[in-house]
Amino acid sequence: MRSTSRKREKVKIQPPMTPMIDCIFQLLIFFMLMPTFQSREGYLTTNLPRDQGPNPIPKQEILERIKIELLDEGNEGEGVSIILNDTQSLGDNFDNLRAALEGYRAQGLQPTHPVLISPTMAVRHKFVVRAFDAAVTARFTSIHFAVPR
């Protein structure tokens, strides 16, 4: 028995390229357009009242703050002039400042009423601390400091 050997022809198997090119172009277009879409998933615009519901937000009233201005007086910052609420000049007496602040508390201001201490740049630190002490002695708890000007 003689076997006949034939050389087999090599068959080239090629996948169809047209559908692959179509898929590539579709992916290309998808990723080019994707950044322009805005995701609105999970957002629902509503105008609900904030003071009602399971966690109501209490209304906050805007309080007029008490402003203590400290201006430098004399040579080398050794003196100070105290101005309360832009109108009342107290000279350099911190006892008068304490009494005026206690008068505000006696009028019914809460301890959390804001107090702003606003010194000028040349005012010495000891005067700022004395103004702070006067506000604390008057039992104010919300004391803020302005940037020296």
N, C-alpha and C. Protein backbone atom coordinates (compact mmCIF):
# COMPACT_ATOMS: atom_id res chain seq x y z
N MET A 1 0.81 -1.15 0.00
CA MET A 1 0.00 0.00 0.00
C MET A 1 0.86 1.23 0.00
N ARG A 2 0.51 1.76 -0.88
CA ARG A 2 1.25 2.96 -1.08
C ARG A 2 0.37 4.14 -0.73
N SER A 3 0.92 4.96 0.10
CA SER A 3 0.10 6.11 0.45
C SER A 3 0.53 7.27 -0.40
N THR A 4 -0.45 7.85 -0.81
CA THR A 4 -0.16 9.01 -1.63
C THR A 4 -0.12 10.24 -0.73
N SER A 5 0.90 10.83 -0.80
CA SER A 5 1.00 12.02 0.04
C SER A 5 0.83 13.25 -0.83
N ARG A 6 -0.08 13.90 -0.43
CA ARG A 6 -0.31 15.15 -1.13
C ARG A 6 0.03 16.29 -0.17
N LYS A 7 0.50 17.22 -0.73
CA LYS A 7 0.76 18.37 0.10
C LYS A 7 -0.54 19.15 0.25
N ARG A 8 -0.81 19.33 1.48
CA ARG A 8 -2.03 20.09 1.72
C ARG A 8 -1.74 21.56 1.53
N GLU A 9 -2.68 22.19 0.99
CA GLU A 9 -2.54 23.64 0.83
C GLU A 9 -2.85 24.31 2.16
N LYS A 10 -2.09 25.29 2.46
CA LYS A 10 -2.31 26.02 3.69
C LYS A 10 -3.53 26.92 3.50
N VAL A 11 -4.44 26.73 4.36
CA VAL A 11 -5.65 27.53 4.30
C VAL A 11 -5.51 28.68 5.30
N LYS A 12 -5.63 29.86 4.82
CA LYS A 12 -5.56 31.03 5.69
C LYS A 12 -6.96 31.33 6.23
N ILE A 13 -7.03 31.32 7.54
CA ILE A 13 -8.30 31.65 8.16
C ILE A 13 -8.23 33.11 8.62
N GLN A 14 -9.06 33.91 8.08
CA GLN A 14 -9.12 35.32 8.45
C GLN A 14 -10.51 35.64 8.95
N PRO A 15 -10.58 36.24 10.13
CA PRO A 15 -11.90 36.65 10.61
C PRO A 15 -12.42 37.81 9.77
N PRO A 16 -13.70 37.97 9.68
CA PRO A 16 -14.24 39.09 8.90
C PRO A 16 -13.89 40.43 9.55
N MET A 17 -13.27 41.30 8.83
CA MET A 17 -12.77 42.56 9.37
C MET A 17 -13.83 43.66 9.41
N THR A 18 -14.80 43.62 8.58
CA THR A 18 -15.80 44.68 8.51
C THR A 18 -16.56 44.85 9.83
N PRO A 19 -17.06 43.78 10.46
CA PRO A 19 -17.75 43.99 11.74
C PRO A 19 -16.82 44.51 12.83
N MET A 20 -15.55 44.11 12.79
CA MET A 20 -14.60 44.59 13.78
C MET A 20 -14.37 46.09 13.62
N ILE A 21 -14.24 46.53 12.42
CA ILE A 21 -14.03 47.96 12.15
C ILE A 21 -15.26 48.75 12.59
N ASP A 22 -16.45 48.20 12.34
CA ASP A 22 -17.68 48.87 12.77
C ASP A 22 -17.71 49.01 14.29
N CYS A 23 -17.33 47.96 15.00
CA CYS A 23 -17.32 48.02 16.47
C CYS A 23 -16.32 49.05 16.97
N ILE A 24 -15.14 49.08 16.36
CA ILE A 24 -14.11 50.04 16.76
C ILE A 24 -14.60 51.47 16.55
N PHE A 25 -15.22 51.74 15.42
CA PHE A 25 -15.74 53.08 15.16
C PHE A 25 -16.85 53.45 16.14
N GLN A 26 -17.71 52.51 16.47
CA GLN A 26 -18.77 52.80 17.43
C GLN A 26 -18.20 53.10 18.81
N LEU A 27 -17.18 52.34 19.22
CA LEU A 27 -16.54 52.63 20.50
C LEU A 27 -15.83 53.98 20.48
N LEU A 28 -15.20 54.29 19.38
CA LEU A 28 -14.52 55.58 19.24
C LEU A 28 -15.51 56.73 19.37
N ILE A 29 -16.61 56.63 18.67
CA ILE A 29 -17.64 57.68 18.73
C ILE A 29 -18.22 57.77 20.15
N PHE A 30 -18.47 56.63 20.77
CA PHE A 30 -19.02 56.62 22.12
C PHE A 30 -18.10 57.36 23.09
N PHE A 31 -16.81 57.05 23.07
CA PHE A 31 -15.89 57.67 24.01
C PHE A 31 -15.56 59.11 23.65
N MET A 32 -15.79 59.50 22.42
CA MET A 32 -15.62 60.91 22.06
C MET A 32 -16.79 61.73 22.58
N LEU A 33 -17.98 61.17 22.54
CA LEU A 33 -19.16 61.91 22.96
C LEU A 33 -19.45 61.79 24.45
N MET A 34 -18.87 60.84 25.12
CA MET A 34 -19.18 60.59 26.53
C MET A 34 -18.90 61.79 27.44
N PRO A 35 -17.81 62.52 27.29
CA PRO A 35 -17.57 63.66 28.19
C PRO A 35 -18.63 64.75 28.09
N THR A 36 -19.38 64.83 27.01
CA THR A 36 -20.37 65.89 26.87
C THR A 36 -21.67 65.56 27.59
N PHE A 37 -21.88 64.31 27.98
CA PHE A 37 -23.10 63.96 28.70
C PHE A 37 -22.95 64.34 30.16
N GLN A 38 -24.02 64.85 30.73
CA GLN A 38 -24.00 65.17 32.15
C GLN A 38 -24.84 64.13 32.87
N SER A 39 -24.24 63.54 33.86
CA SER A 39 -24.95 62.52 34.61
C SER A 39 -25.90 63.19 35.59
N ARG A 40 -27.15 62.93 35.49
CA ARG A 40 -28.15 63.48 36.40
C ARG A 40 -28.72 62.38 37.29
N GLU A 41 -28.02 61.30 37.37
CA GLU A 41 -28.50 60.19 38.16
C GLU A 41 -28.42 60.54 39.64
N GLY A 42 -29.49 60.33 40.35
CA GLY A 42 -29.50 60.56 41.78
C GLY A 42 -29.85 61.97 42.19
N TYR A 43 -30.09 62.89 41.28
CA TYR A 43 -30.41 64.26 41.62
C TYR A 43 -31.84 64.56 41.22
N LEU A 44 -32.53 65.16 42.14
CA LEU A 44 -33.90 65.57 41.89
C LEU A 44 -34.04 66.98 42.43
N THR A 45 -34.24 67.94 41.56
CA THR A 45 -34.33 69.32 42.01
C THR A 45 -35.70 69.55 42.63
N THR A 46 -35.68 70.02 43.86
CA THR A 46 -36.92 70.31 44.57
C THR A 46 -36.77 71.60 45.35
N ASN A 47 -37.87 72.18 45.67
CA ASN A 47 -37.90 73.38 46.51
C ASN A 47 -38.75 73.06 47.74
N LEU A 48 -38.17 72.31 48.66
CA LEU A 48 -38.88 71.92 49.86
C LEU A 48 -38.58 72.90 50.99
N PRO A 49 -39.53 73.10 51.88
CA PRO A 49 -39.26 73.99 53.03
C PRO A 49 -38.22 73.37 53.95
N ARG A 50 -37.27 74.18 54.41
CA ARG A 50 -36.18 73.67 55.25
C ARG A 50 -36.56 73.61 56.73
N ASP A 51 -37.62 74.29 57.12
CA ASP A 51 -37.96 74.31 58.54
C ASP A 51 -39.00 73.26 58.92
N GLN A 52 -39.25 72.30 58.03
CA GLN A 52 -40.19 71.24 58.31
C GLN A 52 -39.55 69.91 57.93
N GLY A 53 -40.12 68.83 58.43
CA GLY A 53 -39.62 67.52 58.07
C GLY A 53 -38.93 66.83 59.23
N PRO A 54 -38.25 65.70 58.96
CA PRO A 54 -37.65 64.92 60.05
C PRO A 54 -36.46 65.62 60.70
N ASN A 55 -35.71 66.42 59.95
CA ASN A 55 -34.55 67.13 60.50
C ASN A 55 -34.67 68.61 60.15
N PRO A 56 -35.57 69.34 60.81
CA PRO A 56 -35.74 70.74 60.43
C PRO A 56 -34.52 71.58 60.81
N ILE A 57 -34.21 72.52 59.96
CA ILE A 57 -33.12 73.45 60.22
C ILE A 57 -33.74 74.69 60.88
N PRO A 58 -33.34 75.00 62.11
CA PRO A 58 -33.94 76.15 62.77
C PRO A 58 -33.54 77.44 62.07
N LYS A 59 -34.47 78.37 62.06
CA LYS A 59 -34.18 79.67 61.44
C LYS A 59 -33.21 80.42 62.34
N GLN A 60 -32.21 81.02 61.71
CA GLN A 60 -31.22 81.77 62.46
C GLN A 60 -31.47 83.25 62.25
N GLU A 61 -31.53 83.95 63.35
CA GLU A 61 -31.68 85.38 63.22
C GLU A 61 -30.29 86.02 63.16
N ILE A 62 -30.19 87.06 62.38
CA ILE A 62 -28.90 87.74 62.23
C ILE A 62 -28.77 88.73 63.37
N LEU A 63 -27.72 88.55 64.15
CA LEU A 63 -27.51 89.40 65.31
C LEU A 63 -26.54 90.52 64.96
N GLU A 64 -26.85 91.70 65.43
CA GLU A 64 -25.96 92.84 65.25
C GLU A 64 -24.84 92.69 66.28
N ARG A 65 -23.62 92.59 65.83
CA ARG A 65 -22.52 92.33 66.76
C ARG A 65 -22.11 93.59 67.50
N ILE A 66 -21.53 93.38 68.66
CA ILE A 66 -20.96 94.47 69.45
C ILE A 66 -19.53 94.63 68.98
N LYS A 67 -19.18 95.84 68.55
CA LYS A 67 -17.84 96.07 68.00
C LYS A 67 -17.03 96.93 68.97
N ILE A 68 -15.87 96.41 69.34
CA ILE A 68 -14.94 97.14 70.21
C ILE A 68 -13.74 97.51 69.36
N GLU A 69 -13.56 98.81 69.11
CA GLU A 69 -12.39 99.26 68.34
C GLU A 69 -11.32 99.76 69.31
N LEU A 70 -10.11 99.35 69.06
CA LEU A 70 -8.98 99.79 69.86
C LEU A 70 -8.04 100.60 68.97
N LEU A 71 -7.90 101.87 69.27
CA LEU A 71 -7.04 102.76 68.49
C LEU A 71 -5.81 103.12 69.31
N ASP A 72 -4.64 103.17 68.66
CA ASP A 72 -3.42 103.48 69.39
C ASP A 72 -3.35 104.98 69.68
N GLU A 73 -2.91 105.30 70.88
CA GLU A 73 -2.76 106.69 71.33
C GLU A 73 -1.40 106.83 71.98
N GLY A 74 -0.82 107.99 71.91
CA GLY A 74 0.43 108.25 72.61
C GLY A 74 1.64 107.73 71.85
N ASN A 75 2.78 107.81 72.51
CA ASN A 75 4.05 107.40 71.90
C ASN A 75 4.26 105.90 72.04
N GLU A 76 4.76 105.31 70.99
CA GLU A 76 5.17 103.91 70.99
C GLU A 76 4.07 102.95 71.42
N GLY A 77 2.83 103.30 71.19
CA GLY A 77 1.73 102.40 71.48
C GLY A 77 1.45 102.19 72.95
N GLU A 78 1.86 103.15 73.79
CA GLU A 78 1.66 103.00 75.23
C GLU A 78 0.25 103.37 75.67
N GLY A 79 -0.53 103.96 74.79
CA GLY A 79 -1.90 104.33 75.14
C GLY A 79 -2.88 103.72 74.15
N VAL A 80 -4.14 103.73 74.54
CA VAL A 80 -5.17 103.17 73.68
C VAL A 80 -6.45 103.96 73.86
N SER A 81 -7.24 104.02 72.81
CA SER A 81 -8.55 104.65 72.86
C SER A 81 -9.58 103.59 72.49
N ILE A 82 -10.63 103.47 73.31
CA ILE A 82 -11.64 102.44 73.11
C ILE A 82 -12.91 103.07 72.54
N ILE A 83 -13.39 102.53 71.44
CA ILE A 83 -14.64 102.99 70.84
C ILE A 83 -15.57 101.79 70.76
N LEU A 84 -16.78 101.95 71.30
CA LEU A 84 -17.75 100.87 71.35
C LEU A 84 -18.86 101.13 70.34
N ASN A 85 -19.08 100.19 69.42
CA ASN A 85 -20.13 100.26 68.39
C ASN A 85 -20.06 101.51 67.54
N ASP A 86 -18.88 101.98 67.24
CA ASP A 86 -18.63 103.12 66.35
C ASP A 86 -19.21 104.43 66.86
N THR A 87 -19.77 104.46 68.05
CA THR A 87 -20.39 105.69 68.53
C THR A 87 -19.90 106.10 69.91
N GLN A 88 -19.76 105.18 70.81
CA GLN A 88 -19.48 105.48 72.21
C GLN A 88 -17.98 105.41 72.47
N SER A 89 -17.39 106.56 72.81
CA SER A 89 -15.96 106.61 73.12
C SER A 89 -15.78 106.43 74.63
N LEU A 90 -14.95 105.47 75.00
CA LEU A 90 -14.73 105.15 76.41
C LEU A 90 -13.36 105.57 76.89
N GLY A 91 -12.61 106.31 76.11
CA GLY A 91 -11.27 106.72 76.49
C GLY A 91 -10.34 105.54 76.54
N ASP A 92 -9.60 105.42 77.64
CA ASP A 92 -8.68 104.29 77.78
C ASP A 92 -9.01 103.44 78.99
N ASN A 93 -10.23 103.55 79.49
CA ASN A 93 -10.62 102.86 80.71
C ASN A 93 -11.33 101.55 80.38
N PHE A 94 -10.67 100.43 80.69
CA PHE A 94 -11.25 99.12 80.40
C PHE A 94 -12.34 98.75 81.41
N ASP A 95 -12.37 99.42 82.57
CA ASP A 95 -13.47 99.20 83.51
C ASP A 95 -14.77 99.75 82.94
N ASN A 96 -14.67 100.89 82.24
CA ASN A 96 -15.87 101.44 81.57
C ASN A 96 -16.34 100.50 80.47
N LEU A 97 -15.40 99.87 79.76
CA LEU A 97 -15.76 98.91 78.72
C LEU A 97 -16.48 97.71 79.33
N ARG A 98 -15.94 97.19 80.43
CA ARG A 98 -16.58 96.06 81.10
C ARG A 98 -17.98 96.43 81.58
N ALA A 99 -18.13 97.65 82.15
CA ALA A 99 -19.44 98.09 82.63
C ALA A 99 -20.43 98.24 81.48
N ALA A 100 -19.96 98.76 80.35
CA ALA A 100 -20.84 98.92 79.19
C ALA A 100 -21.27 97.56 78.65
N LEU A 101 -20.35 96.61 78.62
CA LEU A 101 -20.69 95.26 78.15
C LEU A 101 -21.65 94.56 79.11
N GLU A 102 -21.43 94.76 80.42
CA GLU A 102 -22.37 94.19 81.39
C GLU A 102 -23.74 94.84 81.27
N GLY A 103 -23.77 96.13 80.88
CA GLY A 103 -25.04 96.81 80.63
C GLY A 103 -25.79 96.17 79.46
N TYR A 104 -25.06 95.79 78.42
CA TYR A 104 -25.69 95.09 77.29
C TYR A 104 -26.28 93.76 77.76
N ARG A 105 -25.55 93.05 78.61
CA ARG A 105 -26.06 91.76 79.11
C ARG A 105 -27.28 91.97 79.99
N ALA A 106 -27.28 93.08 80.78
CA ALA A 106 -28.43 93.38 81.63
C ALA A 106 -29.66 93.73 80.79
N GLN A 107 -29.45 94.23 79.58
CA GLN A 107 -30.57 94.55 78.68
C GLN A 107 -31.18 93.30 78.07
N GLY A 108 -30.55 92.17 78.27
CA GLY A 108 -31.12 90.92 77.79
C GLY A 108 -30.36 90.24 76.66
N LEU A 109 -29.18 90.74 76.33
CA LEU A 109 -28.40 90.06 75.29
C LEU A 109 -27.92 88.71 75.81
N GLN A 110 -27.97 87.73 74.94
CA GLN A 110 -27.55 86.38 75.29
C GLN A 110 -26.02 86.32 75.38
N PRO A 111 -25.48 85.34 76.12
CA PRO A 111 -24.01 85.20 76.18
C PRO A 111 -23.40 84.86 74.82
N THR A 112 -24.20 84.29 73.92
CA THR A 112 -23.67 83.93 72.60
C THR A 112 -23.74 85.08 71.60
N HIS A 113 -24.16 86.25 72.04
CA HIS A 113 -24.20 87.41 71.14
C HIS A 113 -22.77 87.73 70.70
N PRO A 114 -22.55 87.93 69.40
CA PRO A 114 -21.18 88.11 68.93
C PRO A 114 -20.55 89.44 69.35
N VAL A 115 -19.31 89.35 69.78
CA VAL A 115 -18.51 90.52 70.14
C VAL A 115 -17.28 90.51 69.25
N LEU A 116 -17.00 91.63 68.59
CA LEU A 116 -15.85 91.74 67.69
C LEU A 116 -14.86 92.73 68.27
N ILE A 117 -13.64 92.30 68.47
CA ILE A 117 -12.57 93.18 68.93
C ILE A 117 -11.71 93.51 67.72
N SER A 118 -11.63 94.80 67.40
CA SER A 118 -10.95 95.25 66.18
C SER A 118 -9.84 96.24 66.54
N PRO A 119 -8.61 95.76 66.69
CA PRO A 119 -7.51 96.68 66.99
C PRO A 119 -6.85 97.20 65.71
N THR A 120 -6.18 98.35 65.85
CA THR A 120 -5.34 98.80 64.75
C THR A 120 -3.99 98.09 64.87
N MET A 121 -3.16 98.26 63.86
CA MET A 121 -1.91 97.51 63.80
C MET A 121 -0.94 97.90 64.93
N ALA A 122 -0.97 99.17 65.37
CA ALA A 122 0.00 99.63 66.36
C ALA A 122 -0.43 99.39 67.81
N VAL A 123 -1.64 98.88 68.02
CA VAL A 123 -2.11 98.64 69.39
C VAL A 123 -1.35 97.46 69.98
N ARG A 124 -0.89 97.63 71.19
CA ARG A 124 -0.14 96.56 71.85
C ARG A 124 -1.06 95.42 72.23
N HIS A 125 -0.46 94.25 72.30
CA HIS A 125 -1.21 93.03 72.58
C HIS A 125 -1.88 93.06 73.95
N LYS A 126 -1.25 93.72 74.91
CA LYS A 126 -1.83 93.75 76.26
C LYS A 126 -3.19 94.44 76.28
N PHE A 127 -3.41 95.43 75.40
CA PHE A 127 -4.70 96.10 75.36
C PHE A 127 -5.77 95.22 74.72
N VAL A 128 -5.38 94.43 73.74
CA VAL A 128 -6.32 93.50 73.11
C VAL A 128 -6.74 92.44 74.13
N VAL A 129 -5.77 91.97 74.94
CA VAL A 129 -6.09 90.98 75.96
C VAL A 129 -6.99 91.58 77.03
N ARG A 130 -6.77 92.84 77.38
CA ARG A 130 -7.63 93.48 78.39
C ARG A 130 -9.05 93.66 77.86
N ALA A 131 -9.20 93.96 76.57
CA ALA A 131 -10.55 94.06 75.98
C ALA A 131 -11.21 92.69 75.98
N PHE A 132 -10.44 91.65 75.66
CA PHE A 132 -10.96 90.29 75.70
C PHE A 132 -11.39 89.92 77.13
N ASP A 133 -10.58 90.28 78.12
CA ASP A 133 -10.92 89.99 79.51
C ASP A 133 -12.21 90.71 79.91
N ALA A 134 -12.40 91.94 79.45
CA ALA A 134 -13.62 92.68 79.77
C ALA A 134 -14.84 91.98 79.19
N ALA A 135 -14.72 91.46 77.96
CA ALA A 135 -15.84 90.76 77.34
C ALA A 135 -16.12 89.44 78.06
N VAL A 136 -15.08 88.74 78.48
CA VAL A 136 -15.27 87.48 79.20
C VAL A 136 -15.87 87.74 80.58
N THR A 137 -15.43 88.81 81.23
CA THR A 137 -15.97 89.17 82.54
C THR A 137 -17.46 89.51 82.43
N ALA A 138 -17.85 90.10 81.31
CA ALA A 138 -19.27 90.41 81.07
C ALA A 138 -20.04 89.17 80.63
N ARG A 139 -19.38 88.02 80.60
CA ARG A 139 -19.96 86.70 80.30
C ARG A 139 -20.42 86.55 78.86
N PHE A 140 -19.68 87.14 77.95
CA PHE A 140 -19.90 86.88 76.53
C PHE A 140 -19.03 85.69 76.13
N THR A 141 -19.58 84.81 75.30
CA THR A 141 -18.83 83.60 74.92
C THR A 141 -18.45 83.58 73.44
N SER A 142 -19.06 84.41 72.62
CA SER A 142 -18.77 84.42 71.19
C SER A 142 -17.96 85.67 70.86
N ILE A 143 -16.68 85.60 71.16
CA ILE A 143 -15.78 86.75 70.98
C ILE A 143 -14.89 86.49 69.78
N HIS A 144 -14.86 87.44 68.86
CA HIS A 144 -14.08 87.30 67.63
C HIS A 144 -13.08 88.43 67.54
N PHE A 145 -12.03 88.21 66.75
CA PHE A 145 -11.00 89.22 66.55
C PHE A 145 -10.92 89.56 65.07
N ALA A 146 -10.88 90.86 64.77
CA ALA A 146 -10.72 91.31 63.39
C ALA A 146 -9.24 91.37 63.08
N VAL A 147 -8.91 91.28 61.82
CA VAL A 147 -7.52 91.41 61.39
C VAL A 147 -7.11 92.86 61.61
N PRO A 148 -5.97 93.10 62.28
CA PRO A 148 -5.54 94.49 62.51
C PRO A 148 -5.38 95.24 61.20
N ARG A 149 -5.81 96.46 61.21
CA ARG A 149 -5.74 97.28 59.98
C ARG A 149 -4.74 98.39 60.17
